[in-house]
């Protein structure tokens, strides 16, 4: 549901997804807010060396933001620290940037997804402490598509029948699991992989491999021709 534009929003829980130059001294900041979804706002003067706002534009940290404006591009008045800090380093840091790019590409502006916001927060905290990074990426990718309303059926095939654990399927975007016809689009995988994903269980090595192929295929389908920059970096690093 798209929320109505209110003139001013005070002390909203937000994450900074991205920022880029705007005019001579300002920045456009892409925020992911708990109550308003993705919000774009101008941070006036934020490129000046002594700007207080400049030091607050930290990705992966939960912030409190205030902005105003009736148009799509708001005016950002303040950002403030909240409790705790998340430290992402090395591959975990690249995974964090990958999550941000996914949100920037797929999340519509000012479309509230509070459940997704909370899951993003949980995923960041988990990435900062875990070594099983690929599994957490698969879980977030699936949650993202589901929360945005893209059908990712895992419990039944295209005919409505139950997924059979030892059967081979070909999974097609916007349809689901069907017969393994090599001449059709999609990804071939086992019923066990689909049921493991349904149960949030990625311990099996085949499930890890096939779920990665499935999510890469589904994301490419919904993202279109423009590839994710961070996805390629992750593939080059470790094959995430």
C-alpha atoms as a PDB file:
ATOM      1  CA  UNK A   1       0.000   0.000   0.000  1.00  0.00           C
ATOM      2  CA  UNK A   2       1.379   3.405  -0.963  1.00  0.00           C
ATOM      3  CA  UNK A   3       1.198   5.803   1.954  1.00  0.00           C
ATOM      4  CA  UNK A   4      -0.011   9.360   1.564  1.00  0.00           C
ATOM      5  CA  UNK A   5       2.638  12.070   1.591  1.00  0.00           C
ATOM      6  CA  UNK A   6       2.642  14.027   4.837  1.00  0.00           C
ATOM      7  CA  UNK A   7       4.483  17.314   4.920  1.00  0.00           C
ATOM      8  CA  UNK A   8       6.835  16.453   7.784  1.00  0.00           C
ATOM      9  CA  UNK A   9       7.967  13.177   9.345  1.00  0.00           C
ATOM     10  CA  UNK A  10       9.929  13.396  12.575  1.00  0.00           C
ATOM     11  CA  UNK A  11      12.303  10.900  14.171  1.00  0.00           C
ATOM     12  CA  UNK A  12      11.640   8.014  11.813  1.00  0.00           C
ATOM     13  CA  UNK A  13      13.708   4.818  11.973  1.00  0.00           C
ATOM     14  CA  UNK A  14      15.783   4.662   8.786  1.00  0.00           C
ATOM     15  CA  UNK A  15      18.801   3.125   7.095  1.00  0.00           C
ATOM     16  CA  UNK A  16      20.893   4.900   4.461  1.00  0.00           C
ATOM     17  CA  UNK A  17      20.907   2.795   1.288  1.00  0.00           C
ATOM     18  CA  UNK A  18      22.824   5.145  -1.005  1.00  0.00           C
ATOM     19  CA  UNK A  19      23.672   8.796  -1.633  1.00  0.00           C
ATOM     20  CA  UNK A  20      24.817  10.744  -4.683  1.00  0.00           C
ATOM     21  CA  UNK A  21      25.731  14.364  -5.491  1.00  0.00           C
ATOM     22  CA  UNK A  22      22.997  16.897  -6.063  1.00  0.00           C
ATOM     23  CA  UNK A  23      23.780  20.405  -7.304  1.00  0.00           C
ATOM     24  CA  UNK A  24      26.955  22.016  -5.954  1.00  0.00           C
ATOM     25  CA  UNK A  25      27.024  21.168  -2.240  1.00  0.00           C
ATOM     26  CA  UNK A  26      24.146  18.777  -1.579  1.00  0.00           C
ATOM     27  CA  UNK A  27      23.409  15.057  -1.742  1.00  0.00           C
ATOM     28  CA  UNK A  28      20.350  12.996  -2.578  1.00  0.00           C
ATOM     29  CA  UNK A  29      20.022  10.334   0.109  1.00  0.00           C
ATOM     30  CA  UNK A  30      18.068   7.142  -0.506  1.00  0.00           C
ATOM     31  CA  UNK A  31      16.599   6.024   2.825  1.00  0.00           C
ATOM     32  CA  UNK A  32      14.849   2.798   3.800  1.00  0.00           C
ATOM     33  CA  UNK A  33      12.380   3.787   6.481  1.00  0.00           C
ATOM     34  CA  UNK A  34      10.383   1.516   8.737  1.00  0.00           C
ATOM     35  CA  UNK A  35       7.030   3.231   8.209  1.00  0.00           C
ATOM     36  CA  UNK A  36       7.348   4.810   4.757  1.00  0.00           C
ATOM     37  CA  UNK A  37       9.497   2.404   2.760  1.00  0.00           C
ATOM     38  CA  UNK A  38      12.098   3.871   0.407  1.00  0.00           C
ATOM     39  CA  UNK A  39      12.341   7.650   0.627  1.00  0.00           C
ATOM     40  CA  UNK A  40      14.559  10.001  -1.407  1.00  0.00           C
ATOM     41  CA  UNK A  41      15.551  13.254   0.277  1.00  0.00           C
ATOM     42  CA  UNK A  42      17.972  16.105  -0.373  1.00  0.00           C
ATOM     43  CA  UNK A  43      20.576  16.681   2.333  1.00  0.00           C
ATOM     44  CA  UNK A  44      21.369  20.337   1.698  1.00  0.00           C
ATOM     45  CA  UNK A  45      24.997  21.290   2.122  1.00  0.00           C
ATOM     46  CA  UNK A  46      26.002  17.726   3.030  1.00  0.00           C
ATOM     47  CA  UNK A  47      29.028  17.832   0.704  1.00  0.00           C
ATOM     48  CA  UNK A  48      30.570  20.702   2.605  1.00  0.00           C
ATOM     49  CA  UNK A  49      33.549  19.589   4.766  1.00  0.00           C
ATOM     50  CA  UNK A  50      32.023  20.912   8.004  1.00  0.00           C
ATOM     51  CA  UNK A  51      28.512  19.599   7.393  1.00  0.00           C
ATOM     52  CA  UNK A  52      27.079  17.792  10.433  1.00  0.00           C
ATOM     53  CA  UNK A  53      24.909  15.701   8.123  1.00  0.00           C
ATOM     54  CA  UNK A  54      27.879  14.401   6.159  1.00  0.00           C
ATOM     55  CA  UNK A  55      29.208  12.299   9.026  1.00  0.00           C
ATOM     56  CA  UNK A  56      25.797  10.736   9.622  1.00  0.00           C
ATOM     57  CA  UNK A  57      25.424   9.201   6.169  1.00  0.00           C
ATOM     58  CA  UNK A  58      26.590   5.767   7.271  1.00  0.00           C
ATOM     59  CA  UNK A  59      25.143   2.640   5.680  1.00  0.00           C
ATOM     60  CA  UNK A  60      24.029  -0.314   7.822  1.00  0.00           C
ATOM     61  CA  UNK A  61      23.446   1.804  10.945  1.00  0.00           C
ATOM     62  CA  UNK A  62      19.967   2.338  12.364  1.00  0.00           C
ATOM     63  CA  UNK A  63      19.350   6.083  12.384  1.00  0.00           C
ATOM     64  CA  UNK A  64      16.575   8.473  13.327  1.00  0.00           C
ATOM     65  CA  UNK A  65      15.660  10.770  10.442  1.00  0.00           C
ATOM     66  CA  UNK A  66      13.452  13.807   9.956  1.00  0.00           C
ATOM     67  CA  UNK A  67      12.334  15.043   6.554  1.00  0.00           C
ATOM     68  CA  UNK A  68       9.594  17.107   4.941  1.00  0.00           C
ATOM     69  CA  UNK A  69       8.072  17.668   1.529  1.00  0.00           C
ATOM     70  CA  UNK A  70       5.007  16.859  -0.528  1.00  0.00           C
ATOM     71  CA  UNK A  71       6.861  15.827  -3.691  1.00  0.00           C
ATOM     72  CA  UNK A  72       8.746  12.581  -4.340  1.00  0.00           C
ATOM     73  CA  UNK A  73      12.066  14.256  -3.487  1.00  0.00           C
ATOM     74  CA  UNK A  74      11.915  15.362   0.159  1.00  0.00           C
ATOM     75  CA  UNK A  75      14.161  17.647   2.188  1.00  0.00           C
ATOM     76  CA  UNK A  76      16.214  15.857   4.836  1.00  0.00           C
ATOM     77  CA  UNK A  77      16.520  17.947   7.995  1.00  0.00           C
ATOM     78  CA  UNK A  78      18.432  15.655  10.344  1.00  0.00           C
ATOM     79  CA  UNK A  79      19.876  12.233  11.005  1.00  0.00           C
ATOM     80  CA  UNK A  80      20.775  11.027  14.474  1.00  0.00           C
ATOM     81  CA  UNK A  81      22.364   7.900  15.910  1.00  0.00           C
ATOM     82  CA  UNK A  82      20.206   5.391  17.716  1.00  0.00           C
ATOM     83  CA  UNK A  83      21.312   2.509  19.922  1.00  0.00           C
ATOM     84  CA  UNK A  84      24.101   0.136  18.916  1.00  0.00           C
ATOM     85  CA  UNK A  85      26.449  -0.104  15.935  1.00  0.00           C
ATOM     86  CA  UNK A  86      26.736  -2.801  13.279  1.00  0.00           C
ATOM     87  CA  UNK A  87      30.248  -3.594  12.041  1.00  0.00           C
ATOM     88  CA  UNK A  88      30.425  -5.233   8.604  1.00  0.00           C
ATOM     89  CA  UNK A  89      33.855  -6.094   7.260  1.00  0.00           C
ATOM     90  CA  UNK A  90      35.274  -7.893   4.239  1.00  0.00           C
ATOM     91  CA  UNK A  91      32.790 -10.199   2.501  1.00  0.00           C
ATOM     92  CA  UNK A  92      30.057  -9.323   5.007  1.00  0.00           C
ATOM     93  CA  UNK A  93      30.426  -5.671   3.978  1.00  0.00           C
ATOM     94  CA  UNK A  94      29.991  -6.595   0.306  1.00  0.00           C
ATOM     95  CA  UNK A  95      26.919  -8.624   1.247  1.00  0.00           C
ATOM     96  CA  UNK A  96      25.496  -5.552   2.967  1.00  0.00           C
ATOM     97  CA  UNK A  97      25.996  -3.432  -0.159  1.00  0.00           C
ATOM     98  CA  UNK A  98      24.338  -6.215  -2.164  1.00  0.00           C
ATOM     99  CA  UNK A  99      21.240  -6.051   0.063  1.00  0.00           C
ATOM    100  CA  UNK A 100      21.140  -2.271  -0.388  1.00  0.00           C
ATOM    101  CA  UNK A 101      21.359  -2.539  -4.151  1.00  0.00           C
ATOM    102  CA  UNK A 102      18.532  -5.088  -4.193  1.00  0.00           C
ATOM    103  CA  UNK A 103      16.329  -2.719  -2.190  1.00  0.00           C
ATOM    104  CA  UNK A 104      17.201   0.235  -4.430  1.00  0.00           C
ATOM    105  CA  UNK A 105      16.367  -1.719  -7.576  1.00  0.00           C
ATOM    106  CA  UNK A 106      13.231  -3.550  -6.447  1.00  0.00           C
ATOM    107  CA  UNK A 107      11.575  -1.537  -3.680  1.00  0.00           C
ATOM    108  CA  UNK A 108       9.156   1.129  -4.973  1.00  0.00           C
ATOM    109  CA  UNK A 109       9.388   4.599  -3.477  1.00  0.00           C
ATOM    110  CA  UNK A 110       7.147   5.315  -0.483  1.00  0.00           C
ATOM    111  CA  UNK A 111       5.673   1.820  -0.352  1.00  0.00           C
ATOM    112  CA  UNK A 112       5.744   0.689   3.281  1.00  0.00           C
ATOM    113  CA  UNK A 113       7.182  -2.761   4.086  1.00  0.00           C
ATOM    114  CA  UNK A 114       7.701  -2.828   7.833  1.00  0.00           C
ATOM    115  CA  UNK A 115       8.209  -6.602   7.967  1.00  0.00           C
ATOM    116  CA  UNK A 116      10.938  -6.336   5.317  1.00  0.00           C
ATOM    117  CA  UNK A 117      12.545  -3.431   7.188  1.00  0.00           C
ATOM    118  CA  UNK A 118      12.724  -5.535  10.354  1.00  0.00           C
ATOM    119  CA  UNK A 119      14.112  -8.511   8.408  1.00  0.00           C
ATOM    120  CA  UNK A 120      16.753  -6.286   6.794  1.00  0.00           C
ATOM    121  CA  UNK A 121      17.788  -5.118  10.259  1.00  0.00           C
ATOM    122  CA  UNK A 122      17.996  -8.709  11.501  1.00  0.00           C
ATOM    123  CA  UNK A 123      20.010  -9.768   8.446  1.00  0.00           C
ATOM    124  CA  UNK A 124      22.559  -6.984   8.924  1.00  0.00           C
ATOM    125  CA  UNK A 125      23.075  -8.020  12.541  1.00  0.00           C
ATOM    126  CA  UNK A 126      23.443 -11.651  11.491  1.00  0.00           C
ATOM    127  CA  UNK A 127      25.940 -10.845   8.717  1.00  0.00           C
ATOM    128  CA  UNK A 128      28.112  -9.028  11.258  1.00  0.00           C
ATOM    129  CA  UNK A 129      28.416 -12.182  13.376  1.00  0.00           C
ATOM    130  CA  UNK A 130      28.098 -15.146  10.990  1.00  0.00           C
ATOM    131  CA  UNK A 131      30.431 -16.917   8.577  1.00  0.00           C
ATOM    132  CA  UNK A 132      27.619 -18.624   6.620  1.00  0.00           C
ATOM    133  CA  UNK A 133      26.975 -15.519   4.543  1.00  0.00           C
ATOM    134  CA  UNK A 134      25.518 -17.202   1.453  1.00  0.00           C
ATOM    135  CA  UNK A 135      22.665 -18.776   3.415  1.00  0.00           C
ATOM    136  CA  UNK A 136      21.658 -15.419   4.868  1.00  0.00           C
ATOM    137  CA  UNK A 137      21.661 -13.896   1.370  1.00  0.00           C
ATOM    138  CA  UNK A 138      19.339 -16.657   0.089  1.00  0.00           C
ATOM    139  CA  UNK A 139      16.960 -16.073   2.974  1.00  0.00           C
ATOM    140  CA  UNK A 140      16.879 -12.327   2.384  1.00  0.00           C
ATOM    141  CA  UNK A 141      16.435 -12.672  -1.384  1.00  0.00           C
ATOM    142  CA  UNK A 142      13.456 -14.964  -0.893  1.00  0.00           C
ATOM    143  CA  UNK A 143      11.930 -12.765   1.820  1.00  0.00           C
ATOM    144  CA  UNK A 144      12.352  -9.687  -0.376  1.00  0.00           C
ATOM    145  CA  UNK A 145      10.526 -11.210  -3.353  1.00  0.00           C
ATOM    146  CA  UNK A 146       7.760 -12.581  -1.145  1.00  0.00           C
ATOM    147  CA  UNK A 147       7.235  -9.274   0.679  1.00  0.00           C
ATOM    148  CA  UNK A 148       7.076  -7.376  -2.610  1.00  0.00           C
ATOM    149  CA  UNK A 149       4.309  -9.664  -3.821  1.00  0.00           C
ATOM    150  CA  UNK A 150       6.217 -11.752  -6.347  1.00  0.00           C
ATOM    151  CA  UNK A 151       4.921 -15.315  -6.365  1.00  0.00           C
ATOM    152  CA  UNK A 152       7.585 -17.806  -5.299  1.00  0.00           C
ATOM    153  CA  UNK A 153       5.529 -20.977  -4.688  1.00  0.00           C
ATOM    154  CA  UNK A 154       7.487 -23.629  -2.822  1.00  0.00           C
ATOM    155  CA  UNK A 155       4.820 -25.956  -1.411  1.00  0.00           C
ATOM    156  CA  UNK A 156       2.872 -26.859  -4.570  1.00  0.00           C
ATOM    157  CA  UNK A 157       3.620 -27.381  -8.265  1.00  0.00           C
ATOM    158  CA  UNK A 158       2.041 -25.512 -11.199  1.00  0.00           C
ATOM    159  CA  UNK A 159      -0.954 -27.854 -11.118  1.00  0.00           C
ATOM    160  CA  UNK A 160      -1.587 -27.332  -7.412  1.00  0.00           C
ATOM    161  CA  UNK A 161      -0.239 -30.694  -6.359  1.00  0.00           C
ATOM    162  CA  UNK A 162       2.159 -31.066  -3.426  1.00  0.00           C
ATOM    163  CA  UNK A 163       5.890 -30.863  -4.071  1.00  0.00           C
ATOM    164  CA  UNK A 164       7.403 -34.361  -3.972  1.00  0.00           C
ATOM    165  CA  UNK A 165      10.721 -34.508  -2.152  1.00  0.00           C
ATOM    166  CA  UNK A 166      12.523 -36.892  -4.552  1.00  0.00           C
ATOM    167  CA  UNK A 167      11.098 -35.512  -7.813  1.00  0.00           C
ATOM    168  CA  UNK A 168      12.935 -33.319 -10.303  1.00  0.00           C
ATOM    169  CA  UNK A 169      11.263 -30.063 -11.416  1.00  0.00           C
ATOM    170  CA  UNK A 170      11.877 -27.118 -13.699  1.00  0.00           C
ATOM    171  CA  UNK A 171      11.045 -23.888 -11.904  1.00  0.00           C
ATOM    172  CA  UNK A 172       9.794 -20.963 -13.994  1.00  0.00           C
ATOM    173  CA  UNK A 173       9.326 -17.387 -12.821  1.00  0.00           C
ATOM    174  CA  UNK A 174       5.666 -16.424 -12.243  1.00  0.00           C
ATOM    175  CA  UNK A 175       4.615 -20.061 -12.623  1.00  0.00           C
ATOM    176  CA  UNK A 176       6.545 -22.264 -10.230  1.00  0.00           C
ATOM    177  CA  UNK A 177       7.641 -25.900 -10.333  1.00  0.00           C
ATOM    178  CA  UNK A 178       6.641 -27.970 -13.362  1.00  0.00           C
ATOM    179  CA  UNK A 179       7.847 -30.923 -15.383  1.00  0.00           C
ATOM    180  CA  UNK A 180      11.600 -30.902 -16.189  1.00  0.00           C
ATOM    181  CA  UNK A 181      11.247 -29.984 -19.881  1.00  0.00           C
ATOM    182  CA  UNK A 182      14.697 -28.999 -21.136  1.00  0.00           C
ATOM    183  CA  UNK A 183      13.189 -26.774 -23.853  1.00  0.00           C
ATOM    184  CA  UNK A 184      11.475 -24.442 -21.384  1.00  0.00           C
ATOM    185  CA  UNK A 185      12.960 -21.541 -19.451  1.00  0.00           C
ATOM    186  CA  UNK A 186      13.772 -21.764 -15.776  1.00  0.00           C
ATOM    187  CA  UNK A 187      15.983 -23.720 -13.404  1.00  0.00           C
ATOM    188  CA  UNK A 188      16.035 -27.463 -12.842  1.00  0.00           C
ATOM    189  CA  UNK A 189      16.041 -28.520  -9.201  1.00  0.00           C
ATOM    190  CA  UNK A 190      14.769 -31.160  -6.795  1.00  0.00           C
ATOM    191  CA  UNK A 191      11.629 -31.176  -4.722  1.00  0.00           C
ATOM    192  CA  UNK A 192      13.842 -31.432  -1.660  1.00  0.00           C
ATOM    193  CA  UNK A 193      15.423 -28.054  -2.440  1.00  0.00           C
ATOM    194  CA  UNK A 194      12.006 -26.382  -2.674  1.00  0.00           C
ATOM    195  CA  UNK A 195      10.837 -27.964   0.586  1.00  0.00           C
ATOM    196  CA  UNK A 196      14.109 -27.082   2.314  1.00  0.00           C
ATOM    197  CA  UNK A 197      13.663 -23.453   1.253  1.00  0.00           C
ATOM    198  CA  UNK A 198      10.073 -23.538   2.466  1.00  0.00           C
ATOM    199  CA  UNK A 199      11.347 -24.745   5.851  1.00  0.00           C
ATOM    200  CA  UNK A 200      14.241 -22.260   5.890  1.00  0.00           C
ATOM    201  CA  UNK A 201      16.743 -25.152   5.956  1.00  0.00           C
ATOM    202  CA  UNK A 202      19.897 -24.610   3.891  1.00  0.00           C
ATOM    203  CA  UNK A 203      22.156 -27.195   5.531  1.00  0.00           C
ATOM    204  CA  UNK A 204      22.183 -29.575   2.553  1.00  0.00           C
ATOM    205  CA  UNK A 205      24.916 -28.770   0.016  1.00  0.00           C
ATOM    206  CA  UNK A 206      22.637 -29.529  -2.959  1.00  0.00           C
ATOM    207  CA  UNK A 207      20.012 -27.195  -1.528  1.00  0.00           C
ATOM    208  CA  UNK A 208      22.668 -24.491  -1.148  1.00  0.00           C
ATOM    209  CA  UNK A 209      23.737 -24.840  -4.781  1.00  0.00           C
ATOM    210  CA  UNK A 210      20.264 -25.141  -6.305  1.00  0.00           C
ATOM    211  CA  UNK A 211      18.730 -22.355  -4.198  1.00  0.00           C
ATOM    212  CA  UNK A 212      21.535 -20.040  -5.360  1.00  0.00           C
ATOM    213  CA  UNK A 213      20.754 -20.892  -9.003  1.00  0.00           C
ATOM    214  CA  UNK A 214      17.029 -20.388  -8.422  1.00  0.00           C
ATOM    215  CA  UNK A 215      17.346 -17.026  -6.705  1.00  0.00           C
ATOM    216  CA  UNK A 216      19.859 -15.766  -9.275  1.00  0.00           C
ATOM    217  CA  UNK A 217      17.405 -16.710 -12.044  1.00  0.00           C
ATOM    218  CA  UNK A 218      14.366 -15.160 -10.313  1.00  0.00           C
ATOM    219  CA  UNK A 219      16.163 -11.910  -9.473  1.00  0.00           C
ATOM    220  CA  UNK A 220      17.456 -11.582 -13.038  1.00  0.00           C
ATOM    221  CA  UNK A 221      13.898 -12.067 -14.279  1.00  0.00           C
ATOM    222  CA  UNK A 222      12.478  -9.289 -12.089  1.00  0.00           C
ATOM    223  CA  UNK A 223      15.441  -6.933 -12.392  1.00  0.00           C
ATOM    224  CA  UNK A 224      15.516  -6.976 -16.188  1.00  0.00           C
ATOM    225  CA  UNK A 225      18.530  -6.336 -18.403  1.00  0.00           C
ATOM    226  CA  UNK A 226      20.556  -4.189 -15.986  1.00  0.00           C
ATOM    227  CA  UNK A 227      22.747  -6.490 -13.816  1.00  0.00           C
ATOM    228  CA  UNK A 228      23.528  -5.943 -10.146  1.00  0.00           C
ATOM    229  CA  UNK A 229      27.045  -4.541  -9.705  1.00  0.00           C
ATOM    230  CA  UNK A 230      27.485  -6.032  -6.242  1.00  0.00           C
ATOM    231  CA  UNK A 231      26.251  -9.464  -7.359  1.00  0.00           C
ATOM    232  CA  UNK A 232      29.102  -9.724  -9.862  1.00  0.00           C
ATOM    233  CA  UNK A 233      31.618  -8.656  -7.222  1.00  0.00           C
ATOM    234  CA  UNK A 234      30.334 -11.350  -4.866  1.00  0.00           C
ATOM    235  CA  UNK A 235      30.539 -13.969  -7.604  1.00  0.00           C
ATOM    236  CA  UNK A 236      34.108 -12.925  -8.356  1.00  0.00           C
ATOM    237  CA  UNK A 237      35.001 -13.177  -4.662  1.00  0.00           C
ATOM    238  CA  UNK A 238      33.378 -16.405  -3.517  1.00  0.00           C
ATOM    239  CA  UNK A 239      30.616 -17.454  -5.875  1.00  0.00           C
ATOM    240  CA  UNK A 240      27.798 -16.229  -3.610  1.00  0.00           C
END
